[in-house]
Amino acid sequence: MDDDRILTGEVKWSASPVGPSVHTGLLRDLERLAASGHGWAKDALTSERLAGHLYLSAAGFTAEFERLAEEDGRIVLLDLDDLYRS
Protein backbone atom coordinates (compact mmCIF):
# COMPACT_ATOMS: atom_id res chain seq x y z
CA MET A 1 0.00 0.00 0.00
CA ASP A 2 1.39 3.41 -0.95
CA ASP A 3 0.68 5.86 1.85
CA ASP A 4 2.93 8.64 0.48
CA ARG A 5 5.31 8.60 3.45
CA ILE A 6 9.03 9.28 3.15
CA LEU A 7 11.76 7.05 4.59
CA THR A 8 15.27 8.48 4.80
CA GLY A 9 18.52 6.96 6.02
CA GLU A 10 21.99 5.76 5.21
CA VAL A 11 24.01 2.56 4.83
CA LYS A 12 27.51 2.46 6.32
CA TRP A 13 29.98 -0.36 5.67
CA SER A 14 32.84 0.93 7.82
CA ALA A 15 34.64 -1.21 10.41
CA SER A 16 33.79 1.20 13.23
CA PRO A 17 30.40 1.57 14.96
CA VAL A 18 28.35 4.47 13.63
CA GLY A 19 27.64 7.43 15.92
CA PRO A 20 24.89 10.06 15.98
CA SER A 21 26.87 12.39 13.71
CA VAL A 22 25.52 10.33 10.80
CA HIS A 23 21.99 11.34 11.77
CA THR A 24 23.00 14.97 12.26
CA GLY A 25 24.59 14.91 8.81
CA LEU A 26 21.47 13.44 7.22
CA LEU A 27 19.28 16.13 8.79
CA ARG A 28 21.71 18.81 7.57
CA ASP A 29 21.58 17.34 4.05
CA LEU A 30 17.78 17.28 4.12
CA GLU A 31 17.75 20.93 5.22
CA ARG A 32 20.01 21.87 2.29
CA LEU A 33 17.84 19.95 -0.16
CA ALA A 34 14.70 21.57 1.24
CA ALA A 35 16.27 25.03 0.96
CA SER A 36 17.15 24.35 -2.69
CA GLY A 37 13.53 23.62 -3.53
CA HIS A 38 13.18 19.86 -3.08
CA GLY A 39 9.71 19.62 -1.59
CA TRP A 40 10.10 15.99 -0.53
CA ALA A 41 13.06 16.95 1.68
CA LYS A 42 11.03 19.71 3.32
CA ASP A 43 8.23 17.22 3.90
CA ALA A 44 10.69 14.76 5.42
CA LEU A 45 11.73 17.41 7.92
CA THR A 46 8.45 19.09 8.76
CA SER A 47 5.44 16.90 8.15
CA GLU A 48 3.62 13.73 8.97
CA ARG A 49 4.94 12.27 5.71
CA LEU A 50 8.14 11.21 7.49
CA ALA A 51 8.02 7.45 7.98
CA GLY A 52 11.31 7.58 9.85
CA HIS A 53 15.06 7.35 9.45
CA LEU A 54 16.63 3.95 8.78
CA TYR A 55 20.32 3.31 9.31
CA LEU A 56 22.19 0.13 8.45
CA SER A 57 25.72 -0.33 9.74
CA ALA A 58 28.02 -3.30 9.17
CA ALA A 59 29.86 -2.55 12.43
CA GLY A 60 26.84 -1.62 14.56
CA PHE A 61 26.20 1.60 16.43
CA THR A 62 27.61 3.51 19.37
CA ALA A 63 25.72 3.48 22.65
CA GLU A 64 25.08 7.21 22.17
CA PHE A 65 23.36 6.64 18.82
CA GLU A 66 21.33 3.75 20.27
CA ARG A 67 20.11 6.06 23.06
CA LEU A 68 19.20 8.77 20.55
CA ALA A 69 17.25 6.25 18.45
CA GLU A 70 15.37 5.03 21.51
CA GLU A 71 14.52 8.56 22.62
CA ASP A 72 13.52 9.77 19.14
CA GLY A 73 11.24 6.88 18.26
CA ARG A 74 11.51 7.45 14.50
CA ILE A 75 15.10 6.21 14.11
CA VAL A 76 15.59 2.53 13.25
CA LEU A 77 19.05 1.02 13.59
CA LEU A 78 19.91 -2.26 11.85
CA ASP A 79 23.21 -4.12 11.78
CA LEU A 80 24.26 -7.19 9.81
CA ASP A 81 22.99 -9.54 12.52
CA ASP A 82 19.55 -7.99 12.10
CA LEU A 83 19.65 -8.66 8.36
CA TYR A 84 20.79 -12.28 8.64
CA ARG A 85 18.79 -13.33 11.67
CA SER A 86 16.45 -16.15 10.77
PDB file of N, CA and C in Angstrom:
ATOM      1  N   MET A   1       0.841  -1.180   0.000  1.00  0.00           N
ATOM      2  CA  MET A   1       0.000   0.000   0.000  1.00  0.00           C
ATOM      3  C   MET A   1       0.888   1.247   0.000  1.00  0.00           C
ATOM      4  N   ASP A   2       0.625   2.171  -0.860  1.00  0.00           N
ATOM      5  CA  ASP A   2       1.385   3.410  -0.947  1.00  0.00           C
ATOM      6  C   ASP A   2       0.679   4.473  -0.115  1.00  0.00           C
ATOM      7  N   ASP A   3       1.311   4.861   0.991  1.00  0.00           N
ATOM      8  CA  ASP A   3       0.679   5.863   1.855  1.00  0.00           C
ATOM      9  C   ASP A   3       1.382   7.213   1.764  1.00  0.00           C
ATOM     10  N   ASP A   4       2.288   7.366   0.775  1.00  0.00           N
ATOM     11  CA  ASP A   4       2.927   8.639   0.477  1.00  0.00           C
ATOM     12  C   ASP A   4       3.873   9.123   1.571  1.00  0.00           C
ATOM     13  N   ARG A   5       4.352   8.202   2.421  1.00  0.00           N
ATOM     14  CA  ARG A   5       5.310   8.600   3.448  1.00  0.00           C
ATOM     15  C   ARG A   5       6.732   8.499   2.910  1.00  0.00           C
ATOM     16  N   ILE A   6       7.646   9.194   3.573  1.00  0.00           N
ATOM     17  CA  ILE A   6       9.034   9.276   3.151  1.00  0.00           C
ATOM     18  C   ILE A   6       9.923   8.603   4.199  1.00  0.00           C
ATOM     19  N   LEU A   7      10.772   7.695   3.732  1.00  0.00           N
ATOM     20  CA  LEU A   7      11.755   7.048   4.593  1.00  0.00           C
ATOM     21  C   LEU A   7      13.131   7.532   4.162  1.00  0.00           C
ATOM     22  N   THR A   8      13.915   8.037   5.107  1.00  0.00           N
ATOM     23  CA  THR A   8      15.270   8.477   4.799  1.00  0.00           C
ATOM     24  C   THR A   8      16.244   7.613   5.591  1.00  0.00           C
ATOM     25  N   GLY A   9      17.521   7.709   5.270  1.00  0.00           N
ATOM     26  CA  GLY A   9      18.518   6.964   6.022  1.00  0.00           C
ATOM     27  C   GLY A   9      19.806   6.809   5.255  1.00  0.00           C
ATOM     28  N   GLU A  10      20.686   5.984   5.817  1.00  0.00           N
ATOM     29  CA  GLU A  10      21.987   5.755   5.207  1.00  0.00           C
ATOM     30  C   GLU A  10      22.458   4.341   5.510  1.00  0.00           C
ATOM     31  N   VAL A  11      23.353   3.848   4.641  1.00  0.00           N
ATOM     32  CA  VAL A  11      24.012   2.561   4.830  1.00  0.00           C
ATOM     33  C   VAL A  11      25.501   2.834   4.992  1.00  0.00           C
ATOM     34  N   LYS A  12      26.086   2.267   6.044  1.00  0.00           N
ATOM     35  CA  LYS A  12      27.511   2.458   6.324  1.00  0.00           C
ATOM     36  C   LYS A  12      28.190   1.099   6.429  1.00  0.00           C
ATOM     37  N   TRP A  13      29.262   0.916   5.667  1.00  0.00           N
ATOM     38  CA  TRP A  13      29.979  -0.358   5.666  1.00  0.00           C
ATOM     39  C   TRP A  13      31.342  -0.242   6.327  1.00  0.00           C
ATOM     40  N   SER A  14      31.547   0.739   7.160  1.00  0.00           N
ATOM     41  CA  SER A  14      32.840   0.934   7.817  1.00  0.00           C
ATOM     42  C   SER A  14      33.055  -0.131   8.901  1.00  0.00           C
ATOM     43  N   ALA A  15      34.286  -0.235   9.369  1.00  0.00           N
ATOM     44  CA  ALA A  15      34.636  -1.212  10.406  1.00  0.00           C
ATOM     45  C   ALA A  15      34.381  -0.677  11.810  1.00  0.00           C
ATOM     46  N   SER A  16      34.025   0.585  11.926  1.00  0.00           N
ATOM     47  CA  SER A  16      33.786   1.197  13.233  1.00  0.00           C
ATOM     48  C   SER A  16      32.288   1.426  13.441  1.00  0.00           C
ATOM     49  N   PRO A  17      31.816   1.294  14.674  1.00  0.00           N
ATOM     50  CA  PRO A  17      30.401   1.573  14.963  1.00  0.00           C
ATOM     51  C   PRO A  17      30.041   3.009  14.580  1.00  0.00           C
ATOM     52  N   VAL A  18      28.841   3.175  14.097  1.00  0.00           N
ATOM     53  CA  VAL A  18      28.352   4.473  13.629  1.00  0.00           C
ATOM     54  C   VAL A  18      27.773   5.262  14.804  1.00  0.00           C
ATOM     55  N   GLY A  19      28.125   6.550  14.871  1.00  0.00           N
ATOM     56  CA  GLY A  19      27.637   7.428  15.924  1.00  0.00           C
ATOM     57  C   GLY A  19      26.548   8.359  15.427  1.00  0.00           C
ATOM     58  N   PRO A  20      26.010   9.176  16.316  1.00  0.00           N
ATOM     59  CA  PRO A  20      24.894  10.057  15.979  1.00  0.00           C
ATOM     60  C   PRO A  20      25.235  11.155  14.977  1.00  0.00           C
ATOM     61  N   SER A  21      26.510  11.374  14.704  1.00  0.00           N
ATOM     62  CA  SER A  21      26.870  12.393  13.714  1.00  0.00           C
ATOM     63  C   SER A  21      26.326  12.030  12.332  1.00  0.00           C
ATOM     64  N   VAL A  22      26.110  10.749  12.072  1.00  0.00           N
ATOM     65  CA  VAL A  22      25.522  10.332  10.802  1.00  0.00           C
ATOM     66  C   VAL A  22      24.095  10.878  10.686  1.00  0.00           C
ATOM     67  N   HIS A  23      23.362  10.817  11.772  1.00  0.00           N
ATOM     68  CA  HIS A  23      21.988  11.342  11.774  1.00  0.00           C
ATOM     69  C   HIS A  23      21.994  12.860  11.639  1.00  0.00           C
ATOM     70  N   THR A  24      22.876  13.513  12.358  1.00  0.00           N
ATOM     71  CA  THR A  24      23.002  14.967  12.262  1.00  0.00           C
ATOM     72  C   THR A  24      23.330  15.374  10.829  1.00  0.00           C
ATOM     73  N   GLY A  25      24.231  14.633  10.197  1.00  0.00           N
ATOM     74  CA  GLY A  25      24.590  14.913   8.811  1.00  0.00           C
ATOM     75  C   GLY A  25      23.425  14.723   7.856  1.00  0.00           C
ATOM     76  N   LEU A  26      22.642  13.673   8.069  1.00  0.00           N
ATOM     77  CA  LEU A  26      21.475  13.443   7.221  1.00  0.00           C
ATOM     78  C   LEU A  26      20.470  14.585   7.357  1.00  0.00           C
ATOM     79  N   LEU A  27      20.214  15.018   8.587  1.00  0.00           N
ATOM     80  CA  LEU A  27      19.280  16.134   8.789  1.00  0.00           C
ATOM     81  C   LEU A  27      19.800  17.408   8.125  1.00  0.00           C
ATOM     82  N   ARG A  28      21.100  17.643   8.217  1.00  0.00           N
ATOM     83  CA  ARG A  28      21.707  18.808   7.567  1.00  0.00           C
ATOM     84  C   ARG A  28      21.530  18.720   6.047  1.00  0.00           C
ATOM     85  N   ASP A  29      21.755  17.518   5.487  1.00  0.00           N
ATOM     86  CA  ASP A  29      21.580  17.342   4.046  1.00  0.00           C
ATOM     87  C   ASP A  29      20.126  17.558   3.631  1.00  0.00           C
ATOM     88  N   LEU A  30      19.193  17.062   4.422  1.00  0.00           N
ATOM     89  CA  LEU A  30      17.777  17.276   4.123  1.00  0.00           C
ATOM     90  C   LEU A  30      17.427  18.761   4.166  1.00  0.00           C
ATOM     91  N   GLU A  31      17.988  19.488   5.132  1.00  0.00           N
ATOM     92  CA  GLU A  31      17.748  20.933   5.217  1.00  0.00           C
ATOM     93  C   GLU A  31      18.268  21.643   3.976  1.00  0.00           C
ATOM     94  N   ARG A  32      19.446  21.260   3.502  1.00  0.00           N
ATOM     95  CA  ARG A  32      20.005  21.871   2.293  1.00  0.00           C
ATOM     96  C   ARG A  32      19.138  21.568   1.076  1.00  0.00           C
ATOM     97  N   LEU A  33      18.708  20.316   0.963  1.00  0.00           N
ATOM     98  CA  LEU A  33      17.844  19.954  -0.159  1.00  0.00           C
ATOM     99  C   LEU A  33      16.522  20.711  -0.102  1.00  0.00           C
ATOM    100  N   ALA A  34      15.955  20.827   1.077  1.00  0.00           N
ATOM    101  CA  ALA A  34      14.698  21.567   1.238  1.00  0.00           C
ATOM    102  C   ALA A  34      14.886  23.029   0.853  1.00  0.00           C
ATOM    103  N   ALA A  35      16.001  23.620   1.273  1.00  0.00           N
ATOM    104  CA  ALA A  35      16.269  25.028   0.959  1.00  0.00           C
ATOM    105  C   ALA A  35      16.476  25.249  -0.536  1.00  0.00           C
ATOM    106  N   SER A  36      16.925  24.205  -1.248  1.00  0.00           N
ATOM    107  CA  SER A  36      17.149  24.353  -2.685  1.00  0.00           C
ATOM    108  C   SER A  36      15.911  24.025  -3.511  1.00  0.00           C
ATOM    109  N   GLY A  37      14.782  23.789  -2.820  1.00  0.00           N
ATOM    110  CA  GLY A  37      13.529  23.615  -3.534  1.00  0.00           C
ATOM    111  C   GLY A  37      13.007  22.198  -3.641  1.00  0.00           C
ATOM    112  N   HIS A  38      13.656  21.245  -3.035  1.00  0.00           N
ATOM    113  CA  HIS A  38      13.176  19.861  -3.080  1.00  0.00           C
ATOM    114  C   HIS A  38      12.089  19.675  -2.026  1.00  0.00           C
ATOM    115  N   GLY A  39      10.852  19.684  -2.492  1.00  0.00           N
ATOM    116  CA  GLY A  39       9.713  19.617  -1.586  1.00  0.00           C
ATOM    117  C   GLY A  39       9.676  18.360  -0.741  1.00  0.00           C
ATOM    118  N   TRP A  40      10.117  17.235  -1.301  1.00  0.00           N
ATOM    119  CA  TRP A  40      10.101  15.990  -0.528  1.00  0.00           C
ATOM    120  C   TRP A  40      11.008  16.088   0.691  1.00  0.00           C
ATOM    121  N   ALA A  41      12.143  16.798   0.551  1.00  0.00           N
ATOM    122  CA  ALA A  41      13.062  16.952   1.676  1.00  0.00           C
ATOM    123  C   ALA A  41      12.425  17.821   2.759  1.00  0.00           C
ATOM    124  N   LYS A  42      11.741  18.872   2.344  1.00  0.00           N
ATOM    125  CA  LYS A  42      11.032  19.707   3.316  1.00  0.00           C
ATOM    126  C   LYS A  42       9.973  18.886   4.034  1.00  0.00           C
ATOM    127  N   ASP A  43       9.240  18.077   3.290  1.00  0.00           N
ATOM    128  CA  ASP A  43       8.228  17.216   3.897  1.00  0.00           C
ATOM    129  C   ASP A  43       8.853  16.235   4.881  1.00  0.00           C
ATOM    130  N   ALA A  44      10.011  15.720   4.539  1.00  0.00           N
ATOM    131  CA  ALA A  44      10.688  14.756   5.420  1.00  0.00           C
ATOM    132  C   ALA A  44      11.105  15.400   6.735  1.00  0.00           C
ATOM    133  N   LEU A  45      11.309  16.701   6.713  1.00  0.00           N
ATOM    134  CA  LEU A  45      11.732  17.407   7.924  1.00  0.00           C
ATOM    135  C   LEU A  45      10.570  17.971   8.739  1.00  0.00           C
ATOM    136  N   THR A  46       9.456  18.278   8.075  1.00  0.00           N
ATOM    137  CA  THR A  46       8.450  19.087   8.756  1.00  0.00           C
ATOM    138  C   THR A  46       7.042  18.515   8.781  1.00  0.00           C
ATOM    139  N   SER A  47       6.830  17.333   8.253  1.00  0.00           N
ATOM    140  CA  SER A  47       5.441  16.900   8.146  1.00  0.00           C
ATOM    141  C   SER A  47       5.246  15.476   8.632  1.00  0.00           C
ATOM    142  N   GLU A  48       4.009  15.089   8.600  1.00  0.00           N
ATOM    143  CA  GLU A  48       3.624  13.734   8.975  1.00  0.00           C
ATOM    144  C   GLU A  48       4.011  12.723   7.896  1.00  0.00           C
ATOM    145  N   ARG A  49       4.535  13.186   6.780  1.00  0.00           N
ATOM    146  CA  ARG A  49       4.942  12.269   5.708  1.00  0.00           C
ATOM    147  C   ARG A  49       6.178  11.479   6.085  1.00  0.00           C
ATOM    148  N   LEU A  50       6.908  11.911   7.109  1.00  0.00           N
ATOM    149  CA  LEU A  50       8.139  11.207   7.488  1.00  0.00           C
ATOM    150  C   LEU A  50       7.785   9.865   8.108  1.00  0.00           C
ATOM    151  N   ALA A  51       8.212   8.792   7.449  1.00  0.00           N
ATOM    152  CA  ALA A  51       8.019   7.449   7.984  1.00  0.00           C
ATOM    153  C   ALA A  51       9.093   7.137   9.025  1.00  0.00           C
ATOM    154  N   GLY A  52      10.226   7.794   8.908  1.00  0.00           N
ATOM    155  CA  GLY A  52      11.314   7.580   9.851  1.00  0.00           C
ATOM    156  C   GLY A  52      12.662   7.648   9.161  1.00  0.00           C
ATOM    157  N   HIS A  53      13.690   7.373   9.941  1.00  0.00           N
ATOM    158  CA  HIS A  53      15.063   7.355   9.451  1.00  0.00           C
ATOM    159  C   HIS A  53      15.608   5.961   9.718  1.00  0.00           C
ATOM    160  N   LEU A  54      16.107   5.303   8.684  1.00  0.00           N
ATOM    161  CA  LEU A  54      16.626   3.949   8.785  1.00  0.00           C
ATOM    162  C   LEU A  54      18.126   3.963   8.528  1.00  0.00           C
ATOM    163  N   TYR A  55      18.872   3.392   9.457  1.00  0.00           N
ATOM    164  CA  TYR A  55      20.323   3.313   9.311  1.00  0.00           C
ATOM    165  C   TYR A  55      20.742   1.853   9.386  1.00  0.00           C
ATOM    166  N   LEU A  56      21.611   1.459   8.463  1.00  0.00           N
ATOM    167  CA  LEU A  56      22.192   0.128   8.450  1.00  0.00           C
ATOM    168  C   LEU A  56      23.692   0.277   8.572  1.00  0.00           C
ATOM    169  N   SER A  57      24.282  -0.417   9.528  1.00  0.00           N
ATOM    170  CA  SER A  57      25.724  -0.330   9.738  1.00  0.00           C
ATOM    171  C   SER A  57      26.313  -1.723   9.879  1.00  0.00           C
ATOM    172  N   ALA A  58      27.341  -2.005   9.096  1.00  0.00           N
ATOM    173  CA  ALA A  58      28.021  -3.296   9.170  1.00  0.00           C
ATOM    174  C   ALA A  58      28.661  -3.503  10.534  1.00  0.00           C
ATOM    175  N   ALA A  59      29.143  -2.442  11.162  1.00  0.00           N
ATOM    176  CA  ALA A  59      29.860  -2.549  12.435  1.00  0.00           C
ATOM    177  C   ALA A  59      28.991  -2.210  13.641  1.00  0.00           C
ATOM    178  N   GLY A  60      27.718  -1.959  13.437  1.00  0.00           N
ATOM    179  CA  GLY A  60      26.841  -1.621  14.556  1.00  0.00           C
ATOM    180  C   GLY A  60      26.867  -0.133  14.860  1.00  0.00           C
ATOM    181  N   PHE A  61      26.411   0.205  16.053  1.00  0.00           N
ATOM    182  CA  PHE A  61      26.204   1.602  16.429  1.00  0.00           C
ATOM    183  C   PHE A  61      26.771   1.871  17.811  1.00  0.00           C
ATOM    184  N   THR A  62      27.132   3.122  18.047  1.00  0.00           N
ATOM    185  CA  THR A  62      27.611   3.506  19.369  1.00  0.00           C
ATOM    186  C   THR A  62      26.435   3.528  20.340  1.00  0.00           C
ATOM    187  N   ALA A  63      26.763   3.416  21.618  1.00  0.00           N
ATOM    188  CA  ALA A  63      25.723   3.477  22.652  1.00  0.00           C
ATOM    189  C   ALA A  63      24.985   4.813  22.588  1.00  0.00           C
ATOM    190  N   GLU A  64      25.701   5.875  22.265  1.00  0.00           N
ATOM    191  CA  GLU A  64      25.084   7.207  22.174  1.00  0.00           C
ATOM    192  C   GLU A  64      24.025   7.248  21.074  1.00  0.00           C
ATOM    193  N   PHE A  65      24.328   6.652  19.919  1.00  0.00           N
ATOM    194  CA  PHE A  65      23.359   6.639  18.824  1.00  0.00           C
ATOM    195  C   PHE A  65      22.174   5.734  19.179  1.00  0.00           C
ATOM    196  N   GLU A  66      22.421   4.633  19.839  1.00  0.00           N
ATOM    197  CA  GLU A  66      21.333   3.750  20.270  1.00  0.00           C
ATOM    198  C   GLU A  66      20.390   4.473  21.237  1.00  0.00           C
ATOM    199  N   ARG A  67      20.952   5.276  22.147  1.00  0.00           N
ATOM    200  CA  ARG A  67      20.112   6.058  23.062  1.00  0.00           C
ATOM    201  C   ARG A  67      19.280   7.079  22.297  1.00  0.00           C
ATOM    202  N   LEU A  68      19.915   7.773  21.349  1.00  0.00           N
ATOM    203  CA  LEU A  68      19.198   8.766  20.546  1.00  0.00           C
ATOM    204  C   LEU A  68      18.042   8.107  19.797  1.00  0.00           C
ATOM    205  N   ALA A  69      18.296   6.953  19.200  1.00  0.00           N
ATOM    206  CA  ALA A  69      17.247   6.247  18.454  1.00  0.00           C
ATOM    207  C   ALA A  69      16.091   5.866  19.369  1.00  0.00           C
ATOM    208  N   GLU A  70      16.413   5.408  20.556  1.00  0.00           N
ATOM    209  CA  GLU A  70      15.374   5.028  21.506  1.00  0.00           C
ATOM    210  C   GLU A  70      14.543   6.236  21.931  1.00  0.00           C
ATOM    211  N   GLU A  71      15.214   7.349  22.187  1.00  0.00           N
ATOM    212  CA  GLU A  71      14.517   8.562  22.621  1.00  0.00           C
ATOM    213  C   GLU A  71      13.678   9.169  21.498  1.00  0.00           C
ATOM    214  N   ASP A  72      14.192   9.137  20.274  1.00  0.00           N
ATOM    215  CA  ASP A  72      13.519   9.774  19.143  1.00  0.00           C
ATOM    216  C   ASP A  72      12.273   8.999  18.714  1.00  0.00           C
ATOM    217  N   GLY A  73      12.369   7.705  18.651  1.00  0.00           N
ATOM    218  CA  GLY A  73      11.240   6.880  18.263  1.00  0.00           C
ATOM    219  C   GLY A  73      11.018   6.725  16.769  1.00  0.00           C
ATOM    220  N   ARG A  74      11.666   7.568  15.956  1.00  0.00           N
ATOM    221  CA  ARG A  74      11.513   7.453  14.502  1.00  0.00           C
ATOM    222  C   ARG A  74      12.813   7.019  13.832  1.00  0.00           C
ATOM    223  N   ILE A  75      13.811   6.668  14.626  1.00  0.00           N
ATOM    224  CA  ILE A  75      15.096   6.209  14.105  1.00  0.00           C
ATOM    225  C   ILE A  75      15.175   4.702  14.303  1.00  0.00           C
ATOM    226  N   VAL A  76      15.435   3.987  13.209  1.00  0.00           N
ATOM    227  CA  VAL A  76      15.587   2.535  13.253  1.00  0.00           C
ATOM    228  C   VAL A  76      17.037   2.212  12.921  1.00  0.00           C
ATOM    229  N   LEU A  77      17.665   1.421  13.777  1.00  0.00           N
ATOM    230  CA  LEU A  77      19.054   1.018  13.585  1.00  0.00           C
ATOM    231  C   LEU A  77      19.107  -0.476  13.307  1.00  0.00           C
ATOM    232  N   LEU A  78      19.739  -0.854  12.207  1.00  0.00           N
ATOM    233  CA  LEU A  78      19.909  -2.256  11.854  1.00  0.00           C
ATOM    234  C   LEU A  78      21.383  -2.540  11.605  1.00  0.00           C
ATOM    235  N   ASP A  79      21.849  -3.694  12.093  1.00  0.00           N
ATOM    236  CA  ASP A  79      23.209  -4.120  11.782  1.00  0.00           C
ATOM    237  C   ASP A  79      23.129  -5.423  10.982  1.00  0.00           C
ATOM    238  N   LEU A  80      24.271  -5.991  10.648  1.00  0.00           N
ATOM    239  CA  LEU A  80      24.263  -7.188   9.813  1.00  0.00           C
ATOM    240  C   LEU A  80      23.569  -8.357  10.488  1.00  0.00           C
ATOM    241  N   ASP A  81      23.702  -8.469  11.801  1.00  0.00           N
ATOM    242  CA  ASP A  81      22.994  -9.539  12.517  1.00  0.00           C
ATOM    243  C   ASP A  81      21.484  -9.413  12.323  1.00  0.00           C
ATOM    244  N   ASP A  82      20.976  -8.192  12.316  1.00  0.00           N
ATOM    245  CA  ASP A  82      19.545  -7.993  12.100  1.00  0.00           C
ATOM    246  C   ASP A  82      19.121  -8.471  10.714  1.00  0.00           C
ATOM    247  N   LEU A  83      19.986  -8.279   9.729  1.00  0.00           N
ATOM    248  CA  LEU A  83      19.655  -8.665   8.358  1.00  0.00           C
ATOM    249  C   LEU A  83      19.686 -10.178   8.160  1.00  0.00           C
ATOM    250  N   TYR A  84      20.601 -10.849   8.872  1.00  0.00           N
ATOM    251  CA  TYR A  84      20.793 -12.279   8.642  1.00  0.00           C
ATOM    252  C   TYR A  84      20.187 -13.155   9.714  1.00  0.00           C
ATOM    253  N   ARG A  85      19.468 -12.563  10.641  1.00  0.00           N
ATOM    254  CA  ARG A  85      18.786 -13.328  11.675  1.00  0.00           C
ATOM    255  C   ARG A  85      17.642 -14.096  11.039  1.00  0.00           C
ATOM    256  N   SER A  86      17.530 -15.355  11.383  1.00  0.00           N
ATOM    257  CA  SER A  86      16.453 -16.155  10.771  1.00  0.00           C
ATOM    258  C   SER A  86      15.225 -16.219  11.626  1.00  0.00           C
TER     259      SER A  86
END
